[in-house]
All heavy atoms as atom14 arrays in JSON, in Angstrom:
{
  "sequence": "AMGAMALFGEKYGDVVRVVNVPGFSTELCGGTHVRNT",
  "atom14_mask": [
    [1, 1, 1, 1, 1, 0, 0, 0, 0, 0, 0, 0, 0, 0],
    [1, 1, 1, 1, 1, 1, 1, 1, 0, 0, 0, 0, 0, 0],
    [1, 1, 1, 1, 0, 0, 0, 0, 0, 0, 0, 0, 0, 0],
    [1, 1, 1, 1, 1, 0, 0, 0, 0, 0, 0, 0, 0, 0],
    [1, 1, 1, 1, 1, 1, 1, 1, 0, 0, 0, 0, 0, 0],
    [1, 1, 1, 1, 1, 0, 0, 0, 0, 0, 0, 0, 0, 0],
    [1, 1, 1, 1, 1, 1, 1, 1, 0, 0, 0, 0, 0, 0],
    [1, 1, 1, 1, 1, 1, 1, 1, 1, 1, 1, 0, 0, 0],
    [1, 1, 1, 1, 0, 0, 0, 0, 0, 0, 0, 0, 0, 0],
    [1, 1, 1, 1, 1, 1, 1, 1, 1, 0, 0, 0, 0, 0],
    [1, 1, 1, 1, 1, 1, 1, 1, 1, 0, 0, 0, 0, 0],
    [1, 1, 1, 1, 1, 1, 1, 1, 1, 1, 1, 1, 0, 0],
    [1, 1, 1, 1, 0, 0, 0, 0, 0, 0, 0, 0, 0, 0],
    [1, 1, 1, 1, 1, 1, 1, 1, 0, 0, 0, 0, 0, 0],
    [1, 1, 1, 1, 1, 1, 1, 0, 0, 0, 0, 0, 0, 0],
    [1, 1, 1, 1, 1, 1, 1, 0, 0, 0, 0, 0, 0, 0],
    [1, 1, 1, 1, 1, 1, 1, 1, 1, 1, 1, 0, 0, 0],
    [1, 1, 1, 1, 1, 1, 1, 0, 0, 0, 0, 0, 0, 0],
    [1, 1, 1, 1, 1, 1, 1, 0, 0, 0, 0, 0, 0, 0],
    [1, 1, 1, 1, 1, 1, 1, 1, 0, 0, 0, 0, 0, 0],
    [1, 1, 1, 1, 1, 1, 1, 0, 0, 0, 0, 0, 0, 0],
    [1, 1, 1, 1, 1, 1, 1, 0, 0, 0, 0, 0, 0, 0],
    [1, 1, 1, 1, 0, 0, 0, 0, 0, 0, 0, 0, 0, 0],
    [1, 1, 1, 1, 1, 1, 1, 1, 1, 1, 1, 0, 0, 0],
    [1, 1, 1, 1, 1, 1, 0, 0, 0, 0, 0, 0, 0, 0],
    [1, 1, 1, 1, 1, 1, 1, 0, 0, 0, 0, 0, 0, 0],
    [1, 1, 1, 1, 1, 1, 1, 1, 1, 0, 0, 0, 0, 0],
    [1, 1, 1, 1, 1, 1, 1, 1, 0, 0, 0, 0, 0, 0],
    [1, 1, 1, 1, 1, 1, 0, 0, 0, 0, 0, 0, 0, 0],
    [1, 1, 1, 1, 0, 0, 0, 0, 0, 0, 0, 0, 0, 0],
    [1, 1, 1, 1, 0, 0, 0, 0, 0, 0, 0, 0, 0, 0],
    [1, 1, 1, 1, 1, 1, 1, 0, 0, 0, 0, 0, 0, 0],
    [1, 1, 1, 1, 1, 1, 1, 1, 1, 1, 0, 0, 0, 0],
    [1, 1, 1, 1, 1, 1, 1, 0, 0, 0, 0, 0, 0, 0],
    [1, 1, 1, 1, 1, 1, 1, 1, 1, 1, 1, 0, 0, 0],
    [1, 1, 1, 1, 1, 1, 1, 1, 0, 0, 0, 0, 0, 0],
    [1, 1, 1, 1, 1, 1, 1, 0, 0, 0, 0, 0, 0, 0]
  ],
  "atom14_positions": [
    [[93.32, 109.88, 94.91], [93.02, 111.25, 95.3], [92.77, 111.38, 96.79], [93.07, 112.42, 97.4], [91.82, 111.77, 94.51], [0.0, 0.0, 0.0], [0.0, 0.0, 0.0], [0.0, 0.0, 0.0], [0.0, 0.0, 0.0], [0.0, 0.0, 0.0], [0.0, 0.0, 0.0], [0.0, 0.0, 0.0], [0.0, 0.0, 0.0], [0.0, 0.0, 0.0]],
    [[92.22, 110.33, 97.41], [91.95, 110.39, 98.86], [93.18, 109.98, 99.68], [93.13, 109.91, 100.9], [90.75, 109.5, 99.23], [91.0, 108.01, 99.13], [89.59, 107.02, 99.72], [89.65, 107.33, 101.49], [0.0, 0.0, 0.0], [0.0, 0.0, 0.0], [0.0, 0.0, 0.0], [0.0, 0.0, 0.0], [0.0, 0.0, 0.0], [0.0, 0.0, 0.0]],
    [[94.31, 109.7, 98.99], [95.56, 109.42, 99.68], [95.86, 107.95, 99.92], [96.75, 107.61, 100.71], [0.0, 0.0, 0.0], [0.0, 0.0, 0.0], [0.0, 0.0, 0.0], [0.0, 0.0, 0.0], [0.0, 0.0, 0.0], [0.0, 0.0, 0.0], [0.0, 0.0, 0.0], [0.0, 0.0, 0.0], [0.0, 0.0, 0.0], [0.0, 0.0, 0.0]],
    [[95.13, 107.06, 99.23], [95.37, 105.62, 99.42], [96.74, 105.24, 98.88], [97.17, 105.71, 97.83], [94.29, 104.81, 98.73], [0.0, 0.0, 0.0], [0.0, 0.0, 0.0], [0.0, 0.0, 0.0], [0.0, 0.0, 0.0], [0.0, 0.0, 0.0], [0.0, 0.0, 0.0], [0.0, 0.0, 0.0], [0.0, 0.0, 0.0], [0.0, 0.0, 0.0]],
    [[97.44, 104.37, 99.62], [98.75, 103.87, 99.2], [98.56, 102.76, 98.17], [97.83, 101.79, 98.41], [99.51, 103.32, 100.4], [100.04, 104.39, 101.33], [101.55, 105.14, 100.69], [102.67, 103.74, 100.76], [0.0, 0.0, 0.0], [0.0, 0.0, 0.0], [0.0, 0.0, 0.0], [0.0, 0.0, 0.0], [0.0, 0.0, 0.0], [0.0, 0.0, 0.0]],
    [[99.24, 102.89, 97.04], [99.24, 101.85, 96.02], [100.64, 101.26, 95.97], [101.64, 101.98, 96.07], [98.86, 102.43, 94.67], [0.0, 0.0, 0.0], [0.0, 0.0, 0.0], [0.0, 0.0, 0.0], [0.0, 0.0, 0.0], [0.0, 0.0, 0.0], [0.0, 0.0, 0.0], [0.0, 0.0, 0.0], [0.0, 0.0, 0.0], [0.0, 0.0, 0.0]],
    [[100.74, 99.95, 95.84], [102.04, 99.29, 95.84], [102.71, 99.45, 94.48], [102.09, 99.23, 93.43], [101.89, 97.81, 96.16], [101.26, 97.48, 97.53], [101.27, 95.99, 97.75], [102.02, 98.19, 98.64], [0.0, 0.0, 0.0], [0.0, 0.0, 0.0], [0.0, 0.0, 0.0], [0.0, 0.0, 0.0], [0.0, 0.0, 0.0], [0.0, 0.0, 0.0]],
    [[103.98, 99.84, 94.53], [104.75, 100.03, 93.3], [104.87, 98.69, 92.57], [105.19, 97.67, 93.15], [106.14, 100.58, 93.62], [107.0, 100.77, 92.42], [106.82, 101.88, 91.59], [107.99, 99.85, 92.09], [107.61, 102.06, 90.48], [108.78, 100.03, 90.97], [108.59, 101.15, 90.15], [0.0, 0.0, 0.0], [0.0, 0.0, 0.0], [0.0, 0.0, 0.0]],
    [[104.59, 98.71, 91.27], [104.72, 97.49, 90.46], [103.45, 96.68, 90.38], [103.34, 95.78, 89.55], [0.0, 0.0, 0.0], [0.0, 0.0, 0.0], [0.0, 0.0, 0.0], [0.0, 0.0, 0.0], [0.0, 0.0, 0.0], [0.0, 0.0, 0.0], [0.0, 0.0, 0.0], [0.0, 0.0, 0.0], [0.0, 0.0, 0.0], [0.0, 0.0, 0.0]],
    [[102.46, 96.97, 91.22], [101.19, 96.24, 91.19], [100.3, 96.81, 90.08], [100.31, 98.02, 89.8], [100.47, 96.36, 92.53], [101.09, 95.54, 93.64], [100.82, 94.05, 93.5], [99.82, 93.7, 92.86], [101.63, 93.26, 93.99], [0.0, 0.0, 0.0], [0.0, 0.0, 0.0], [0.0, 0.0, 0.0], [0.0, 0.0, 0.0], [0.0, 0.0, 0.0]],
    [[99.51, 95.96, 89.48], [98.55, 96.4, 88.47], [97.16, 96.43, 89.08], [96.73, 95.46, 89.71], [98.59, 95.47, 87.25], [99.91, 95.53, 86.49], [99.87, 94.63, 85.26], [101.19, 94.71, 84.48], [101.17, 93.83, 83.27], [0.0, 0.0, 0.0], [0.0, 0.0, 0.0], [0.0, 0.0, 0.0], [0.0, 0.0, 0.0], [0.0, 0.0, 0.0]],
    [[96.46, 97.53, 88.9], [95.13, 97.7, 89.49], [94.11, 97.9, 88.37], [94.4, 98.5, 87.32], [95.11, 98.89, 90.43], [96.0, 98.72, 91.65], [97.29, 99.25, 91.66], [95.56, 98.03, 92.77], [98.12, 99.1, 92.77], [96.38, 97.87, 93.89], [97.66, 98.41, 93.88], [98.47, 98.25, 94.97], [0.0, 0.0, 0.0], [0.0, 0.0, 0.0]],
    [[92.89, 97.46, 88.62], [91.81, 97.67, 87.67], [91.21, 99.05, 87.84], [91.68, 99.87, 88.63], [0.0, 0.0, 0.0], [0.0, 0.0, 0.0], [0.0, 0.0, 0.0], [0.0, 0.0, 0.0], [0.0, 0.0, 0.0], [0.0, 0.0, 0.0], [0.0, 0.0, 0.0], [0.0, 0.0, 0.0], [0.0, 0.0, 0.0], [0.0, 0.0, 0.0]],
    [[90.13, 99.28, 87.1], [89.48, 100.59, 87.18], [88.81, 100.8, 88.52], [88.72, 101.92, 89.02], [88.45, 100.72, 86.05], [89.12, 100.74, 84.68], [90.31, 101.14, 84.62], [88.47, 100.34, 83.7], [0.0, 0.0, 0.0], [0.0, 0.0, 0.0], [0.0, 0.0, 0.0], [0.0, 0.0, 0.0], [0.0, 0.0, 0.0], [0.0, 0.0, 0.0]],
    [[88.32, 99.69, 89.11], [87.67, 99.77, 90.42], [88.54, 99.03, 91.43], [88.96, 97.89, 91.19], [86.25, 99.16, 90.39], [85.63, 99.2, 91.79], [85.37, 99.91, 89.4], [0.0, 0.0, 0.0], [0.0, 0.0, 0.0], [0.0, 0.0, 0.0], [0.0, 0.0, 0.0], [0.0, 0.0, 0.0], [0.0, 0.0, 0.0], [0.0, 0.0, 0.0]],
    [[88.82, 99.69, 92.54], [89.71, 99.1, 93.55], [89.01, 99.1, 94.91], [88.04, 99.81, 95.14], [91.03, 99.89, 93.65], [91.84, 99.75, 92.38], [90.76, 101.35, 93.97], [0.0, 0.0, 0.0], [0.0, 0.0, 0.0], [0.0, 0.0, 0.0], [0.0, 0.0, 0.0], [0.0, 0.0, 0.0], [0.0, 0.0, 0.0], [0.0, 0.0, 0.0]],
    [[89.54, 98.3, 95.8], [89.02, 98.22, 97.17], [89.99, 98.96, 98.09], [91.2, 98.72, 98.07], [88.9, 96.76, 97.61], [88.35, 96.55, 99.02], [88.11, 95.06, 99.21], [87.54, 94.72, 100.49], [88.21, 94.16, 101.49], [89.51, 93.91, 101.35], [87.61, 93.84, 102.62], [0.0, 0.0, 0.0], [0.0, 0.0, 0.0], [0.0, 0.0, 0.0]],
    [[89.47, 99.85, 98.9], [90.28, 100.65, 99.81], [90.01, 100.19, 101.24], [88.86, 100.08, 101.67], [89.94, 102.15, 99.68], [90.75, 102.97, 100.68], [90.22, 102.63, 98.26], [0.0, 0.0, 0.0], [0.0, 0.0, 0.0], [0.0, 0.0, 0.0], [0.0, 0.0, 0.0], [0.0, 0.0, 0.0], [0.0, 0.0, 0.0], [0.0, 0.0, 0.0]],
    [[91.1, 99.89, 101.97], [91.01, 99.53, 103.38], [91.55, 100.72, 104.18], [92.72, 101.1, 104.0], [91.82, 98.25, 103.7], [91.75, 97.93, 105.19], [91.3, 97.08, 102.87], [0.0, 0.0, 0.0], [0.0, 0.0, 0.0], [0.0, 0.0, 0.0], [0.0, 0.0, 0.0], [0.0, 0.0, 0.0], [0.0, 0.0, 0.0], [0.0, 0.0, 0.0]],
    [[90.7, 101.27, 105.04], [91.04, 102.52, 105.71], [90.92, 102.38, 107.22], [89.88, 101.97, 107.74], [90.11, 103.63, 105.21], [90.43, 104.97, 105.84], [91.59, 105.32, 106.03], [89.39, 105.72, 106.18], [0.0, 0.0, 0.0], [0.0, 0.0, 0.0], [0.0, 0.0, 0.0], [0.0, 0.0, 0.0], [0.0, 0.0, 0.0], [0.0, 0.0, 0.0]],
    [[92.02, 102.71, 107.91], [91.99, 102.89, 109.37], [92.03, 104.4, 109.55], [93.1, 105.0, 109.45], [93.17, 102.2, 110.05], [93.1, 102.42, 111.56], [93.21, 100.71, 109.73], [0.0, 0.0, 0.0], [0.0, 0.0, 0.0], [0.0, 0.0, 0.0], [0.0, 0.0, 0.0], [0.0, 0.0, 0.0], [0.0, 0.0, 0.0], [0.0, 0.0, 0.0]],
    [[90.89, 105.02, 109.79], [90.79, 106.48, 109.75], [91.87, 107.2, 110.54], [92.15, 106.87, 111.69], [89.39, 106.75, 110.34], [88.62, 105.53, 110.01], [89.6, 104.4, 110.14], [0.0, 0.0, 0.0], [0.0, 0.0, 0.0], [0.0, 0.0, 0.0], [0.0, 0.0, 0.0], [0.0, 0.0, 0.0], [0.0, 0.0, 0.0], [0.0, 0.0, 0.0]],
    [[92.51, 108.14, 109.84], [93.52, 108.96, 110.49], [94.88, 108.31, 110.61], [95.81, 108.92, 111.14], [0.0, 0.0, 0.0], [0.0, 0.0, 0.0], [0.0, 0.0, 0.0], [0.0, 0.0, 0.0], [0.0, 0.0, 0.0], [0.0, 0.0, 0.0], [0.0, 0.0, 0.0], [0.0, 0.0, 0.0], [0.0, 0.0, 0.0], [0.0, 0.0, 0.0]],
    [[95.01, 107.07, 110.13], [96.3, 106.38, 110.32], [96.79, 105.68, 109.06], [97.94, 105.84, 108.67], [96.19, 105.38, 111.46], [97.52, 104.9, 111.98], [98.25, 105.7, 112.85], [98.05, 103.68, 111.59], [99.49, 105.28, 113.33], [99.29, 103.25, 112.05], [100.01, 104.06, 112.93], [0.0, 0.0, 0.0], [0.0, 0.0, 0.0], [0.0, 0.0, 0.0]],
    [[95.94, 104.87, 108.42], [96.4, 104.07, 107.29], [95.29, 103.95, 106.26], [94.15, 103.64, 106.59], [96.8, 102.66, 107.77], [96.96, 101.77, 106.68], [0.0, 0.0, 0.0], [0.0, 0.0, 0.0], [0.0, 0.0, 0.0], [0.0, 0.0, 0.0], [0.0, 0.0, 0.0], [0.0, 0.0, 0.0], [0.0, 0.0, 0.0], [0.0, 0.0, 0.0]],
    [[95.65, 104.19, 104.98], [94.72, 104.0, 103.87], [95.48, 103.31, 102.75], [96.45, 103.86, 102.22], [94.15, 105.34, 103.38], [93.58, 106.05, 104.48], [93.09, 105.12, 102.31], [0.0, 0.0, 0.0], [0.0, 0.0, 0.0], [0.0, 0.0, 0.0], [0.0, 0.0, 0.0], [0.0, 0.0, 0.0], [0.0, 0.0, 0.0], [0.0, 0.0, 0.0]],
    [[95.06, 102.09, 102.39], [95.77, 101.33, 101.35], [94.78, 100.64, 100.44], [93.66, 100.31, 100.83], [96.69, 100.27, 101.99], [97.88, 100.84, 102.72], [98.92, 99.76, 103.03], [99.03, 98.79, 102.25], [99.62, 99.9, 104.05], [0.0, 0.0, 0.0], [0.0, 0.0, 0.0], [0.0, 0.0, 0.0], [0.0, 0.0, 0.0], [0.0, 0.0, 0.0]],
    [[95.23, 100.39, 99.21], [94.48, 99.56, 98.29], [94.76, 98.1, 98.63], [95.91, 97.69, 98.7], [94.9, 99.84, 96.84], [94.84, 101.3, 96.36], [95.22, 101.37, 94.89], [93.46, 101.88, 96.6], [0.0, 0.0, 0.0], [0.0, 0.0, 0.0], [0.0, 0.0, 0.0], [0.0, 0.0, 0.0], [0.0, 0.0, 0.0], [0.0, 0.0, 0.0]],
    [[93.72, 97.32, 98.89], [93.94, 95.93, 99.3], [92.67, 95.13, 99.13], [91.58, 95.59, 99.47], [94.39, 95.88, 100.77], [94.8, 94.23, 101.35], [0.0, 0.0, 0.0], [0.0, 0.0, 0.0], [0.0, 0.0, 0.0], [0.0, 0.0, 0.0], [0.0, 0.0, 0.0], [0.0, 0.0, 0.0], [0.0, 0.0, 0.0], [0.0, 0.0, 0.0]],
    [[92.82, 93.93, 98.63], [91.66, 93.05, 98.46], [91.6, 91.92, 99.46], [90.77, 91.02, 99.34], [0.0, 0.0, 0.0], [0.0, 0.0, 0.0], [0.0, 0.0, 0.0], [0.0, 0.0, 0.0], [0.0, 0.0, 0.0], [0.0, 0.0, 0.0], [0.0, 0.0, 0.0], [0.0, 0.0, 0.0], [0.0, 0.0, 0.0], [0.0, 0.0, 0.0]],
    [[92.48, 91.96, 100.47], [92.57, 90.85, 101.41], [91.59, 90.92, 102.57], [90.81, 91.86, 102.7], [0.0, 0.0, 0.0], [0.0, 0.0, 0.0], [0.0, 0.0, 0.0], [0.0, 0.0, 0.0], [0.0, 0.0, 0.0], [0.0, 0.0, 0.0], [0.0, 0.0, 0.0], [0.0, 0.0, 0.0], [0.0, 0.0, 0.0], [0.0, 0.0, 0.0]],
    [[91.69, 89.92, 103.44], [90.8, 89.83, 104.6], [91.39, 90.61, 105.76], [92.6, 90.6, 105.98], [90.58, 88.35, 104.98], [89.64, 88.28, 106.05], [91.86, 87.66, 105.41], [0.0, 0.0, 0.0], [0.0, 0.0, 0.0], [0.0, 0.0, 0.0], [0.0, 0.0, 0.0], [0.0, 0.0, 0.0], [0.0, 0.0, 0.0], [0.0, 0.0, 0.0]],
    [[90.52, 91.29, 106.52], [90.96, 92.16, 107.61], [90.0, 92.08, 108.79], [88.85, 91.61, 108.65], [91.03, 93.61, 107.13], [92.15, 93.89, 106.18], [93.42, 94.23, 106.6], [92.18, 93.85, 104.82], [94.19, 94.41, 105.53], [93.47, 94.18, 104.44], [0.0, 0.0, 0.0], [0.0, 0.0, 0.0], [0.0, 0.0, 0.0], [0.0, 0.0, 0.0]],
    [[90.47, 92.55, 109.94], [89.59, 92.66, 111.11], [88.6, 93.8, 110.85], [88.81, 94.66, 110.0], [90.4, 92.93, 112.39], [91.36, 91.79, 112.69], [91.16, 94.26, 112.29], [0.0, 0.0, 0.0], [0.0, 0.0, 0.0], [0.0, 0.0, 0.0], [0.0, 0.0, 0.0], [0.0, 0.0, 0.0], [0.0, 0.0, 0.0], [0.0, 0.0, 0.0]],
    [[87.51, 93.8, 111.6], [86.52, 94.87, 111.47], [86.83, 96.04, 112.4], [86.38, 97.15, 112.17], [85.11, 94.32, 111.75], [84.68, 93.2, 110.81], [84.71, 93.66, 109.35], [84.3, 92.59, 108.44], [85.12, 91.75, 107.85], [86.44, 91.82, 108.09], [84.68, 90.85, 107.01], [0.0, 0.0, 0.0], [0.0, 0.0, 0.0], [0.0, 0.0, 0.0]],
    [[87.59, 95.77, 113.44], [87.98, 96.81, 114.39], [89.4, 96.5, 114.84], [89.74, 95.33, 115.1], [87.02, 96.83, 115.58], [87.32, 97.97, 116.55], [88.29, 97.94, 117.29], [86.45, 98.97, 116.54], [0.0, 0.0, 0.0], [0.0, 0.0, 0.0], [0.0, 0.0, 0.0], [0.0, 0.0, 0.0], [0.0, 0.0, 0.0], [0.0, 0.0, 0.0]],
    [[90.25, 97.52, 114.96], [91.65, 97.28, 115.3], [91.82, 96.58, 116.64], [92.81, 95.87, 116.85], [92.44, 98.6, 115.32], [91.84, 99.49, 116.27], [92.46, 99.25, 113.95], [0.0, 0.0, 0.0], [0.0, 0.0, 0.0], [0.0, 0.0, 0.0], [0.0, 0.0, 0.0], [0.0, 0.0, 0.0], [0.0, 0.0, 0.0], [0.0, 0.0, 0.0]]
  ]
}
């Protein structure tokens, strides 16, 4: 609902992790990321 991109063919549970770069990118992802771009 908040516009997160979900990968086609991937299976997700009821609770997901959202990685958001405000105003640019919002995706469902459980991986490791930087804290600031």
